[in-house]
């Protein structure tokens, strides 16, 4: 119940303007959120989804609306919050019907398809939520190039999501602890 209330409090924060610049919450607001324009770094390196199917990040992202998140299965802090926010997004009737959620593991050495599927099923996530892993040599550059990992200890990772109405070059990176679902739904709409 505490986690649900925390998610509600975080997701109910006011939306921030988006005009192509970096924005932070007003000083004293207690929020660490930054919205910034981004390009999604994809590759054709082989990755595995939670069902053991071979794919690539480029294929997973595709051409329609998506949210790319970064978590790992043994995370005891922020990753559960990310999953709750994304679950809340998928439950919204005003989200794009063809929305894809892609979660790339931060721990490719330990998160194999079996672990990803266990987390996927425990969360009751739908099939349009793709969880990806792969060889560390393929995953770590993607994490770094997408601003999800800076080489520090994994348990000190930041919470990052990349939101796009479609296409790798028209995206917004949302950093840290406050995720406004109204804002994310608007970013998923063409012309946002």
N, C-alpha and C. Protein backbone atom coordinates (compact mmCIF):
# COMPACT_ATOMS: atom_id res chain seq x y z
N UNK A 1 0.82 -1.19 0.00
CA UNK A 1 0.00 0.00 0.00
C UNK A 1 0.86 1.26 0.00
N UNK A 2 1.97 1.23 0.78
CA UNK A 2 2.86 2.39 0.82
C UNK A 2 3.42 2.68 -0.56
N UNK A 3 3.82 1.60 -1.30
CA UNK A 3 4.38 1.79 -2.63
C UNK A 3 3.35 2.40 -3.57
N UNK A 4 2.08 1.97 -3.45
CA UNK A 4 1.02 2.51 -4.29
C UNK A 4 0.81 3.99 -4.00
N UNK A 5 0.76 4.35 -2.71
CA UNK A 5 0.58 5.76 -2.35
C UNK A 5 1.76 6.60 -2.79
N UNK A 6 2.97 6.06 -2.69
CA UNK A 6 4.15 6.78 -3.16
C UNK A 6 4.05 7.03 -4.66
N UNK A 7 3.61 6.03 -5.40
CA UNK A 7 3.46 6.20 -6.85
C UNK A 7 2.41 7.25 -7.16
N UNK A 8 1.29 7.23 -6.44
CA UNK A 8 0.27 8.25 -6.67
C UNK A 8 0.79 9.64 -6.40
N UNK A 9 1.53 9.80 -5.32
CA UNK A 9 2.09 11.11 -4.98
C UNK A 9 3.07 11.57 -6.04
N UNK A 10 3.89 10.67 -6.50
CA UNK A 10 4.90 11.04 -7.50
C UNK A 10 4.24 11.31 -8.85
N UNK A 11 3.29 10.49 -9.23
CA UNK A 11 2.67 10.64 -10.55
C UNK A 11 1.72 11.83 -10.61
N UNK A 12 1.32 12.36 -9.48
CA UNK A 12 0.38 13.47 -9.45
C UNK A 12 1.07 14.83 -9.45
N UNK A 13 2.38 14.87 -9.58
CA UNK A 13 3.08 16.14 -9.57
C UNK A 13 2.74 16.94 -10.81
N UNK A 14 2.80 18.27 -10.74
CA UNK A 14 2.44 19.09 -11.89
C UNK A 14 3.33 18.83 -13.09
N UNK A 15 2.75 18.97 -14.27
CA UNK A 15 3.52 18.80 -15.50
C UNK A 15 4.46 19.98 -15.70
N UNK A 16 5.56 19.70 -16.38
CA UNK A 16 6.54 20.73 -16.69
C UNK A 16 6.46 21.05 -18.18
N UNK A 17 6.71 22.28 -18.52
CA UNK A 17 6.63 22.71 -19.92
C UNK A 17 7.69 22.00 -20.75
N UNK A 18 7.39 21.79 -22.04
CA UNK A 18 8.36 21.17 -22.95
C UNK A 18 8.51 22.07 -24.17
N UNK A 19 9.63 22.73 -24.27
CA UNK A 19 9.89 23.58 -25.42
C UNK A 19 11.25 23.27 -26.04
N UNK A 20 11.72 22.02 -25.86
CA UNK A 20 12.99 21.63 -26.45
C UNK A 20 14.18 21.92 -25.56
N UNK A 21 13.97 22.42 -24.39
CA UNK A 21 15.07 22.73 -23.48
C UNK A 21 14.98 21.83 -22.26
N UNK A 22 16.05 21.82 -21.49
CA UNK A 22 16.05 21.05 -20.26
C UNK A 22 15.26 21.81 -19.21
N UNK A 23 14.38 21.12 -18.49
CA UNK A 23 13.57 21.72 -17.45
C UNK A 23 13.74 20.94 -16.16
N UNK A 24 13.79 21.62 -15.06
CA UNK A 24 13.76 20.98 -13.76
C UNK A 24 12.61 21.57 -12.97
N UNK A 25 12.23 20.90 -11.93
CA UNK A 25 11.16 21.41 -11.08
C UNK A 25 11.64 22.67 -10.37
N UNK A 26 10.73 23.55 -9.98
CA UNK A 26 11.12 24.76 -9.26
C UNK A 26 11.88 24.43 -7.98
N UNK A 27 12.81 25.30 -7.62
CA UNK A 27 13.58 25.10 -6.41
C UNK A 27 12.64 24.98 -5.21
N UNK A 28 12.96 24.03 -4.35
CA UNK A 28 12.14 23.82 -3.16
C UNK A 28 10.97 22.89 -3.39
N UNK A 29 10.76 22.45 -4.63
CA UNK A 29 9.62 21.58 -4.90
C UNK A 29 9.88 20.14 -4.46
N UNK A 30 11.14 19.81 -4.15
CA UNK A 30 11.46 18.47 -3.70
C UNK A 30 11.50 17.45 -4.80
N UNK A 31 11.56 17.88 -6.04
CA UNK A 31 11.58 16.96 -7.17
C UNK A 31 12.92 17.06 -7.88
N UNK A 32 13.35 15.95 -8.45
CA UNK A 32 14.62 15.91 -9.15
C UNK A 32 14.41 15.62 -10.63
N UNK A 33 13.25 15.86 -11.15
CA UNK A 33 12.93 15.45 -12.51
C UNK A 33 13.47 16.42 -13.54
N UNK A 34 13.99 15.86 -14.61
CA UNK A 34 14.46 16.63 -15.74
C UNK A 34 13.85 16.02 -17.00
N UNK A 35 13.26 16.86 -17.84
CA UNK A 35 12.78 16.45 -19.16
C UNK A 35 13.75 17.06 -20.15
N UNK A 36 14.29 16.27 -21.07
CA UNK A 36 15.19 16.81 -22.07
C UNK A 36 15.00 16.07 -23.39
N UNK A 37 15.21 16.80 -24.47
CA UNK A 37 15.13 16.16 -25.77
C UNK A 37 16.20 15.09 -25.85
N UNK A 38 15.88 14.01 -26.56
CA UNK A 38 16.81 12.89 -26.66
C UNK A 38 16.65 12.19 -27.99
N UNK A 39 17.66 11.50 -28.37
CA UNK A 39 17.60 10.52 -29.44
C UNK A 39 17.82 9.17 -28.79
N UNK A 40 17.12 8.17 -29.24
CA UNK A 40 17.30 6.84 -28.68
C UNK A 40 18.43 6.16 -29.42
N UNK A 41 19.43 5.74 -28.66
CA UNK A 41 20.54 4.99 -29.24
C UNK A 41 20.12 3.54 -29.36
N UNK A 42 19.96 3.07 -30.59
CA UNK A 42 19.59 1.68 -30.83
C UNK A 42 20.74 1.00 -31.56
N UNK A 43 20.66 -0.29 -31.65
CA UNK A 43 21.65 -1.04 -32.41
C UNK A 43 20.98 -2.29 -32.94
N UNK A 44 21.70 -2.98 -33.78
CA UNK A 44 21.23 -4.26 -34.30
C UNK A 44 21.85 -5.43 -33.55
N UNK A 45 22.45 -5.15 -32.38
CA UNK A 45 23.00 -6.23 -31.56
C UNK A 45 21.88 -7.15 -31.10
N UNK A 46 22.11 -8.45 -31.12
CA UNK A 46 21.04 -9.37 -30.71
C UNK A 46 20.76 -9.27 -29.21
N UNK A 47 19.48 -9.17 -28.90
CA UNK A 47 19.01 -9.16 -27.52
C UNK A 47 17.97 -10.26 -27.37
N UNK A 48 17.69 -10.64 -26.13
CA UNK A 48 16.66 -11.64 -25.87
C UNK A 48 15.55 -11.01 -25.06
N UNK A 49 14.29 -11.31 -25.43
CA UNK A 49 13.19 -10.82 -24.61
C UNK A 49 12.88 -11.83 -23.50
N UNK A 50 11.89 -11.53 -22.69
CA UNK A 50 11.57 -12.37 -21.54
C UNK A 50 11.08 -13.75 -21.93
N UNK A 51 10.71 -13.93 -23.19
CA UNK A 51 10.25 -15.23 -23.66
C UNK A 51 11.36 -16.01 -24.36
N UNK A 52 12.56 -15.42 -24.44
CA UNK A 52 13.70 -16.06 -25.10
C UNK A 52 13.78 -15.80 -26.58
N UNK A 53 12.93 -14.91 -27.11
CA UNK A 53 12.96 -14.57 -28.53
C UNK A 53 14.11 -13.60 -28.81
N UNK A 54 14.79 -13.80 -29.93
CA UNK A 54 15.87 -12.91 -30.33
C UNK A 54 15.27 -11.69 -31.03
N UNK A 55 15.72 -10.52 -30.64
CA UNK A 55 15.29 -9.26 -31.24
C UNK A 55 16.44 -8.27 -31.12
N UNK A 56 16.20 -7.04 -31.48
CA UNK A 56 17.16 -5.96 -31.30
C UNK A 56 16.42 -4.79 -30.65
N UNK A 57 17.16 -3.85 -30.12
CA UNK A 57 16.51 -2.67 -29.57
C UNK A 57 15.84 -1.87 -30.68
N UNK A 58 16.46 -1.83 -31.85
CA UNK A 58 15.86 -1.13 -32.99
C UNK A 58 14.50 -1.74 -33.34
N UNK A 59 14.39 -3.06 -33.36
CA UNK A 59 13.11 -3.72 -33.65
C UNK A 59 12.10 -3.48 -32.54
N UNK A 60 12.54 -3.53 -31.31
CA UNK A 60 11.63 -3.35 -30.17
C UNK A 60 11.06 -1.94 -30.16
N UNK A 61 11.89 -0.94 -30.43
CA UNK A 61 11.44 0.45 -30.45
C UNK A 61 10.48 0.67 -31.62
N UNK A 62 10.81 0.15 -32.78
CA UNK A 62 9.94 0.27 -33.95
C UNK A 62 9.70 1.70 -34.37
N UNK A 63 8.50 1.97 -34.86
CA UNK A 63 8.17 3.29 -35.41
C UNK A 63 7.01 3.98 -34.70
N UNK A 64 6.34 3.30 -33.80
CA UNK A 64 5.19 3.88 -33.10
C UNK A 64 5.58 4.40 -31.73
N UNK A 65 4.58 4.73 -30.92
CA UNK A 65 4.85 5.28 -29.59
C UNK A 65 5.46 4.22 -28.67
N UNK A 66 6.43 4.67 -27.86
CA UNK A 66 7.08 3.74 -26.93
C UNK A 66 7.59 4.49 -25.72
N UNK A 67 7.80 3.73 -24.66
CA UNK A 67 8.53 4.18 -23.48
C UNK A 67 9.63 3.15 -23.25
N UNK A 68 10.87 3.63 -23.19
CA UNK A 68 12.02 2.78 -22.92
C UNK A 68 12.46 3.05 -21.49
N UNK A 69 12.49 2.00 -20.67
CA UNK A 69 12.92 2.14 -19.28
C UNK A 69 14.09 1.20 -19.03
N UNK A 70 14.70 1.37 -17.87
CA UNK A 70 15.92 0.63 -17.54
C UNK A 70 15.84 0.19 -16.08
N UNK A 71 15.76 -1.12 -15.85
CA UNK A 71 15.68 -1.66 -14.49
C UNK A 71 16.48 -2.95 -14.43
N UNK A 72 16.51 -3.57 -13.27
CA UNK A 72 17.06 -4.92 -13.14
C UNK A 72 16.27 -5.69 -12.08
N UNK A 73 16.29 -7.00 -12.18
CA UNK A 73 15.37 -7.80 -11.39
C UNK A 73 15.70 -7.87 -9.90
N UNK A 74 16.95 -7.70 -9.52
CA UNK A 74 17.31 -7.74 -8.10
C UNK A 74 17.25 -6.37 -7.43
N UNK A 75 16.81 -5.35 -8.14
CA UNK A 75 16.75 -3.99 -7.61
C UNK A 75 15.76 -3.94 -6.45
N UNK A 76 16.17 -3.31 -5.38
CA UNK A 76 15.31 -3.20 -4.21
C UNK A 76 14.86 -1.76 -3.97
N UNK A 77 15.09 -0.88 -4.93
CA UNK A 77 14.70 0.51 -4.69
C UNK A 77 13.85 1.05 -5.84
N UNK A 78 14.45 1.72 -6.80
CA UNK A 78 13.74 2.48 -7.82
C UNK A 78 13.03 1.64 -8.89
N UNK A 79 13.50 0.45 -9.13
CA UNK A 79 12.95 -0.32 -10.25
C UNK A 79 11.48 -0.67 -10.05
N UNK A 80 11.08 -0.96 -8.82
CA UNK A 80 9.67 -1.23 -8.55
C UNK A 80 8.81 -0.02 -8.84
N UNK A 81 9.33 1.16 -8.52
CA UNK A 81 8.61 2.40 -8.82
C UNK A 81 8.44 2.56 -10.33
N UNK A 82 9.50 2.29 -11.08
CA UNK A 82 9.41 2.39 -12.54
C UNK A 82 8.34 1.45 -13.08
N UNK A 83 8.32 0.21 -12.59
CA UNK A 83 7.31 -0.75 -13.04
C UNK A 83 5.90 -0.27 -12.69
N UNK A 84 5.73 0.31 -11.50
CA UNK A 84 4.41 0.81 -11.10
C UNK A 84 3.96 1.96 -11.99
N UNK A 85 4.88 2.87 -12.30
CA UNK A 85 4.54 4.00 -13.18
C UNK A 85 4.14 3.48 -14.55
N UNK A 86 4.91 2.55 -15.10
CA UNK A 86 4.60 2.02 -16.41
C UNK A 86 3.29 1.22 -16.40
N UNK A 87 3.04 0.49 -15.34
CA UNK A 87 1.76 -0.20 -15.21
C UNK A 87 0.60 0.79 -15.17
N UNK A 88 0.80 1.90 -14.46
CA UNK A 88 -0.22 2.96 -14.42
C UNK A 88 -0.44 3.57 -15.79
N UNK A 89 0.63 3.73 -16.54
CA UNK A 89 0.52 4.27 -17.89
C UNK A 89 -0.28 3.32 -18.79
N UNK A 90 0.01 2.03 -18.71
CA UNK A 90 -0.71 1.05 -19.53
C UNK A 90 -2.19 0.97 -19.17
N UNK A 91 -2.54 1.32 -17.94
CA UNK A 91 -3.94 1.27 -17.50
C UNK A 91 -4.74 2.50 -17.93
N UNK A 92 -4.07 3.53 -18.42
CA UNK A 92 -4.76 4.77 -18.80
C UNK A 92 -5.50 4.60 -20.12
N UNK A 93 -6.77 5.00 -20.17
CA UNK A 93 -7.52 4.89 -21.42
C UNK A 93 -7.07 5.90 -22.48
N UNK A 94 -6.37 6.97 -22.07
CA UNK A 94 -5.96 8.00 -23.03
C UNK A 94 -4.56 7.76 -23.59
N UNK A 95 -3.96 6.65 -23.28
CA UNK A 95 -2.64 6.34 -23.85
C UNK A 95 -2.85 5.80 -25.26
N UNK A 96 -1.82 5.90 -26.11
CA UNK A 96 -1.96 5.33 -27.46
C UNK A 96 -2.22 3.82 -27.39
N UNK A 97 -3.14 3.35 -28.21
CA UNK A 97 -3.50 1.93 -28.20
C UNK A 97 -2.33 1.05 -28.61
N UNK A 98 -1.44 1.57 -29.45
CA UNK A 98 -0.31 0.78 -29.93
C UNK A 98 0.97 1.04 -29.14
N UNK A 99 0.85 1.57 -27.94
CA UNK A 99 2.01 1.87 -27.10
C UNK A 99 2.78 0.60 -26.77
N UNK A 100 4.10 0.69 -26.89
CA UNK A 100 4.99 -0.40 -26.49
C UNK A 100 5.83 0.07 -25.31
N UNK A 101 5.98 -0.79 -24.33
CA UNK A 101 6.88 -0.55 -23.21
C UNK A 101 8.06 -1.48 -23.40
N UNK A 102 9.26 -0.91 -23.37
CA UNK A 102 10.48 -1.69 -23.51
C UNK A 102 11.32 -1.42 -22.27
N UNK A 103 11.71 -2.47 -21.57
CA UNK A 103 12.57 -2.33 -20.41
C UNK A 103 13.86 -3.09 -20.69
N UNK A 104 14.96 -2.35 -20.72
CA UNK A 104 16.28 -2.93 -20.95
C UNK A 104 16.96 -3.11 -19.59
N UNK A 105 17.45 -4.31 -19.33
CA UNK A 105 18.05 -4.58 -18.04
C UNK A 105 19.32 -3.77 -17.82
N UNK A 106 19.52 -3.36 -16.58
CA UNK A 106 20.76 -2.72 -16.17
C UNK A 106 21.79 -3.75 -15.73
N UNK A 107 21.39 -5.01 -15.65
CA UNK A 107 22.27 -6.06 -15.14
C UNK A 107 22.26 -7.26 -16.09
N UNK A 108 22.82 -7.10 -17.28
CA UNK A 108 22.76 -8.19 -18.26
C UNK A 108 23.55 -9.43 -17.85
N UNK A 109 24.49 -9.30 -16.93
CA UNK A 109 25.25 -10.47 -16.49
C UNK A 109 24.38 -11.41 -15.65
N UNK A 110 23.36 -10.88 -15.00
CA UNK A 110 22.52 -11.71 -14.12
C UNK A 110 21.07 -11.84 -14.57
N UNK A 111 20.57 -10.89 -15.32
CA UNK A 111 19.18 -10.94 -15.78
C UNK A 111 19.12 -11.67 -17.12
N UNK A 112 18.69 -12.90 -17.06
CA UNK A 112 18.49 -13.70 -18.27
C UNK A 112 16.99 -13.74 -18.55
N UNK A 113 16.56 -14.29 -19.66
CA UNK A 113 15.13 -14.33 -19.96
C UNK A 113 14.28 -14.93 -18.83
N UNK A 114 14.78 -15.97 -18.18
CA UNK A 114 14.03 -16.60 -17.09
C UNK A 114 13.71 -15.58 -15.99
N UNK A 115 14.70 -14.81 -15.55
CA UNK A 115 14.49 -13.81 -14.50
C UNK A 115 13.56 -12.70 -14.98
N UNK A 116 13.73 -12.29 -16.23
CA UNK A 116 12.86 -11.25 -16.77
C UNK A 116 11.42 -11.73 -16.84
N UNK A 117 11.21 -12.98 -17.24
CA UNK A 117 9.86 -13.52 -17.32
C UNK A 117 9.23 -13.64 -15.93
N UNK A 118 10.01 -14.04 -14.94
CA UNK A 118 9.47 -14.12 -13.58
C UNK A 118 9.00 -12.75 -13.11
N UNK A 119 9.79 -11.71 -13.36
CA UNK A 119 9.39 -10.35 -12.96
C UNK A 119 8.17 -9.92 -13.76
N UNK A 120 8.17 -10.20 -15.05
CA UNK A 120 7.07 -9.86 -15.94
C UNK A 120 5.76 -10.49 -15.44
N UNK A 121 5.80 -11.77 -15.12
CA UNK A 121 4.60 -12.47 -14.67
C UNK A 121 4.18 -12.03 -13.27
N UNK A 122 5.16 -11.78 -12.40
CA UNK A 122 4.83 -11.32 -11.04
C UNK A 122 4.13 -9.97 -11.07
N UNK A 123 4.49 -9.16 -12.06
CA UNK A 123 3.88 -7.85 -12.18
C UNK A 123 2.57 -7.90 -12.95
N UNK A 124 2.30 -9.02 -13.61
CA UNK A 124 1.08 -9.14 -14.40
C UNK A 124 1.11 -8.26 -15.64
N UNK A 125 2.30 -8.09 -16.20
CA UNK A 125 2.47 -7.19 -17.34
C UNK A 125 1.94 -7.82 -18.63
N UNK A 126 1.40 -7.00 -19.52
CA UNK A 126 0.90 -7.51 -20.80
C UNK A 126 2.04 -7.81 -21.78
N UNK A 127 1.69 -8.50 -22.86
CA UNK A 127 2.69 -8.89 -23.85
C UNK A 127 3.31 -7.71 -24.60
N UNK A 128 2.66 -6.53 -24.62
CA UNK A 128 3.26 -5.39 -25.31
C UNK A 128 4.30 -4.69 -24.43
N UNK A 129 4.63 -5.30 -23.30
CA UNK A 129 5.72 -4.84 -22.45
C UNK A 129 6.86 -5.82 -22.67
N UNK A 130 7.89 -5.35 -23.32
CA UNK A 130 9.02 -6.21 -23.69
C UNK A 130 10.17 -5.93 -22.73
N UNK A 131 10.68 -6.97 -22.10
CA UNK A 131 11.85 -6.86 -21.23
C UNK A 131 13.01 -7.50 -21.96
N UNK A 132 14.12 -6.77 -22.04
CA UNK A 132 15.25 -7.22 -22.85
C UNK A 132 16.53 -7.39 -22.05
N UNK A 133 17.31 -8.38 -22.45
CA UNK A 133 18.64 -8.62 -21.92
C UNK A 133 19.52 -9.07 -23.08
N UNK A 134 20.75 -9.34 -22.79
CA UNK A 134 21.67 -9.80 -23.81
C UNK A 134 23.07 -9.89 -23.24
N UNK A 135 24.01 -10.07 -24.11
CA UNK A 135 25.41 -10.12 -23.68
C UNK A 135 25.79 -8.75 -23.11
N UNK A 136 26.50 -8.74 -21.97
CA UNK A 136 26.93 -7.45 -21.42
C UNK A 136 27.64 -6.55 -22.44
N UNK A 137 28.40 -7.16 -23.33
CA UNK A 137 29.12 -6.37 -24.34
C UNK A 137 28.17 -5.69 -25.33
N UNK A 138 26.95 -6.18 -25.44
CA UNK A 138 25.95 -5.55 -26.31
C UNK A 138 25.03 -4.60 -25.53
N UNK A 139 24.71 -4.95 -24.28
CA UNK A 139 23.75 -4.17 -23.50
C UNK A 139 24.40 -2.93 -22.88
N UNK A 140 25.58 -3.06 -22.31
CA UNK A 140 26.20 -1.95 -21.59
C UNK A 140 26.40 -0.71 -22.47
N UNK A 141 26.86 -0.85 -23.73
CA UNK A 141 26.94 0.36 -24.57
C UNK A 141 25.58 1.02 -24.79
N UNK A 142 24.51 0.23 -24.90
CA UNK A 142 23.17 0.80 -25.08
C UNK A 142 22.75 1.56 -23.82
N UNK A 143 23.05 1.01 -22.66
CA UNK A 143 22.72 1.69 -21.41
C UNK A 143 23.45 3.02 -21.32
N UNK A 144 24.72 2.99 -21.63
CA UNK A 144 25.54 4.20 -21.54
C UNK A 144 25.09 5.25 -22.55
N UNK A 145 24.89 4.84 -23.79
CA UNK A 145 24.52 5.80 -24.85
C UNK A 145 23.12 6.37 -24.65
N UNK A 146 22.27 5.69 -23.89
CA UNK A 146 20.93 6.20 -23.61
C UNK A 146 20.83 6.91 -22.27
N UNK A 147 21.97 7.13 -21.62
CA UNK A 147 21.99 7.89 -20.38
C UNK A 147 21.42 7.17 -19.17
N UNK A 148 21.36 5.84 -19.23
CA UNK A 148 20.78 5.07 -18.13
C UNK A 148 21.81 4.58 -17.13
N UNK A 149 23.08 4.57 -17.51
CA UNK A 149 24.11 4.06 -16.62
C UNK A 149 25.40 4.81 -16.88
N UNK A 150 26.03 5.26 -15.82
CA UNK A 150 27.25 6.05 -15.95
C UNK A 150 28.50 5.30 -15.52
N UNK A 151 28.41 4.00 -15.33
CA UNK A 151 29.55 3.20 -14.93
C UNK A 151 29.68 3.03 -13.43
N UNK A 152 28.83 3.69 -12.66
CA UNK A 152 28.86 3.59 -11.20
C UNK A 152 28.23 2.30 -10.72
N UNK A 153 28.19 2.12 -9.40
CA UNK A 153 27.55 0.92 -8.85
C UNK A 153 26.09 0.82 -9.30
N UNK A 154 25.70 -0.38 -9.66
CA UNK A 154 24.36 -0.59 -10.20
C UNK A 154 23.27 -0.18 -9.20
N UNK A 155 23.51 -0.39 -7.91
CA UNK A 155 22.49 -0.04 -6.94
C UNK A 155 22.36 1.46 -6.71
N UNK A 156 23.19 2.25 -7.39
CA UNK A 156 23.08 3.71 -7.33
C UNK A 156 22.59 4.29 -8.66
N UNK A 157 21.96 3.45 -9.46
CA UNK A 157 21.49 3.91 -10.77
C UNK A 157 20.40 4.97 -10.63
N UNK A 158 20.28 5.77 -11.68
CA UNK A 158 19.21 6.76 -11.75
C UNK A 158 18.00 6.12 -12.40
N UNK A 159 16.86 6.72 -12.16
CA UNK A 159 15.64 6.28 -12.81
C UNK A 159 15.49 7.10 -14.09
N UNK A 160 15.51 6.43 -15.23
CA UNK A 160 15.46 7.09 -16.53
C UNK A 160 14.42 6.40 -17.39
N UNK A 161 13.63 7.21 -18.09
CA UNK A 161 12.72 6.69 -19.11
C UNK A 161 12.87 7.57 -20.34
N UNK A 162 12.77 6.96 -21.50
CA UNK A 162 12.77 7.70 -22.75
C UNK A 162 11.41 7.49 -23.38
N UNK A 163 10.75 8.60 -23.70
CA UNK A 163 9.36 8.59 -24.17
C UNK A 163 9.33 9.15 -25.59
N UNK A 164 8.61 8.49 -26.48
CA UNK A 164 8.51 8.98 -27.85
C UNK A 164 7.16 8.65 -28.46
N UNK A 165 6.64 9.59 -29.24
CA UNK A 165 5.43 9.35 -30.01
C UNK A 165 5.72 8.48 -31.23
N UNK A 166 7.00 8.28 -31.52
CA UNK A 166 7.42 7.43 -32.63
C UNK A 166 8.71 7.92 -33.24
N UNK A 167 9.64 7.01 -33.42
CA UNK A 167 10.91 7.35 -34.04
C UNK A 167 12.00 7.63 -33.02
N UNK A 168 13.21 7.25 -33.38
CA UNK A 168 14.35 7.38 -32.48
C UNK A 168 14.77 8.82 -32.25
N UNK A 169 14.53 9.69 -33.21
CA UNK A 169 15.07 11.05 -33.14
C UNK A 169 14.11 12.06 -32.51
N UNK A 170 12.92 11.66 -32.16
CA UNK A 170 11.94 12.56 -31.57
C UNK A 170 11.50 11.99 -30.23
N UNK A 171 12.37 12.13 -29.23
CA UNK A 171 12.10 11.52 -27.94
C UNK A 171 12.42 12.50 -26.83
N UNK A 172 11.93 12.19 -25.64
CA UNK A 172 12.20 12.98 -24.45
C UNK A 172 12.71 12.05 -23.37
N UNK A 173 13.86 12.39 -22.79
CA UNK A 173 14.40 11.62 -21.66
C UNK A 173 13.85 12.24 -20.38
N UNK A 174 13.29 11.40 -19.54
CA UNK A 174 12.76 11.83 -18.26
C UNK A 174 13.65 11.19 -17.20
N UNK A 175 14.32 12.02 -16.42
CA UNK A 175 15.27 11.54 -15.42
C UNK A 175 14.73 11.69 -14.02
N UNK A 176 14.96 10.71 -13.24
CA UNK A 176 14.83 10.65 -11.79
C UNK A 176 13.44 10.37 -11.28
N UNK A 177 13.04 10.93 -10.16
CA UNK A 177 12.02 10.31 -9.33
C UNK A 177 10.57 10.74 -9.55
N UNK A 178 10.28 11.69 -10.34
CA UNK A 178 8.90 12.14 -10.47
C UNK A 178 8.42 11.91 -11.89
N UNK A 179 7.42 11.10 -12.03
CA UNK A 179 6.88 10.81 -13.35
C UNK A 179 5.43 11.23 -13.40
N UNK A 180 5.15 12.24 -14.18
CA UNK A 180 3.82 12.78 -14.35
C UNK A 180 3.17 12.05 -15.52
N UNK A 181 2.20 11.19 -15.24
CA UNK A 181 1.58 10.40 -16.30
C UNK A 181 0.86 11.26 -17.32
N UNK A 182 0.27 12.38 -16.88
CA UNK A 182 -0.36 13.29 -17.85
C UNK A 182 0.67 13.78 -18.86
N UNK A 183 1.81 14.16 -18.37
CA UNK A 183 2.90 14.66 -19.22
C UNK A 183 3.39 13.57 -20.17
N UNK A 184 3.56 12.36 -19.65
CA UNK A 184 4.04 11.26 -20.47
C UNK A 184 3.03 10.94 -21.57
N UNK A 185 1.74 10.92 -21.25
CA UNK A 185 0.72 10.66 -22.28
C UNK A 185 0.80 11.73 -23.37
N UNK A 186 0.98 13.00 -22.98
CA UNK A 186 1.11 14.07 -23.99
C UNK A 186 2.34 13.85 -24.86
N UNK A 187 3.46 13.43 -24.27
CA UNK A 187 4.67 13.19 -25.04
C UNK A 187 4.50 12.02 -26.01
N UNK A 188 3.60 11.13 -25.71
CA UNK A 188 3.35 9.98 -26.59
C UNK A 188 2.43 10.33 -27.76
N UNK A 189 1.89 11.53 -27.77
CA UNK A 189 1.00 11.96 -28.84
C UNK A 189 1.80 12.65 -29.94
N UNK A 190 1.53 12.34 -31.20
CA UNK A 190 2.24 13.00 -32.29
C UNK A 190 2.10 14.52 -32.20
N UNK A 191 3.18 15.22 -32.49
CA UNK A 191 3.17 16.67 -32.47
C UNK A 191 3.35 17.28 -31.10
N UNK A 192 3.69 16.43 -30.11
CA UNK A 192 3.86 16.95 -28.74
C UNK A 192 5.12 17.78 -28.61
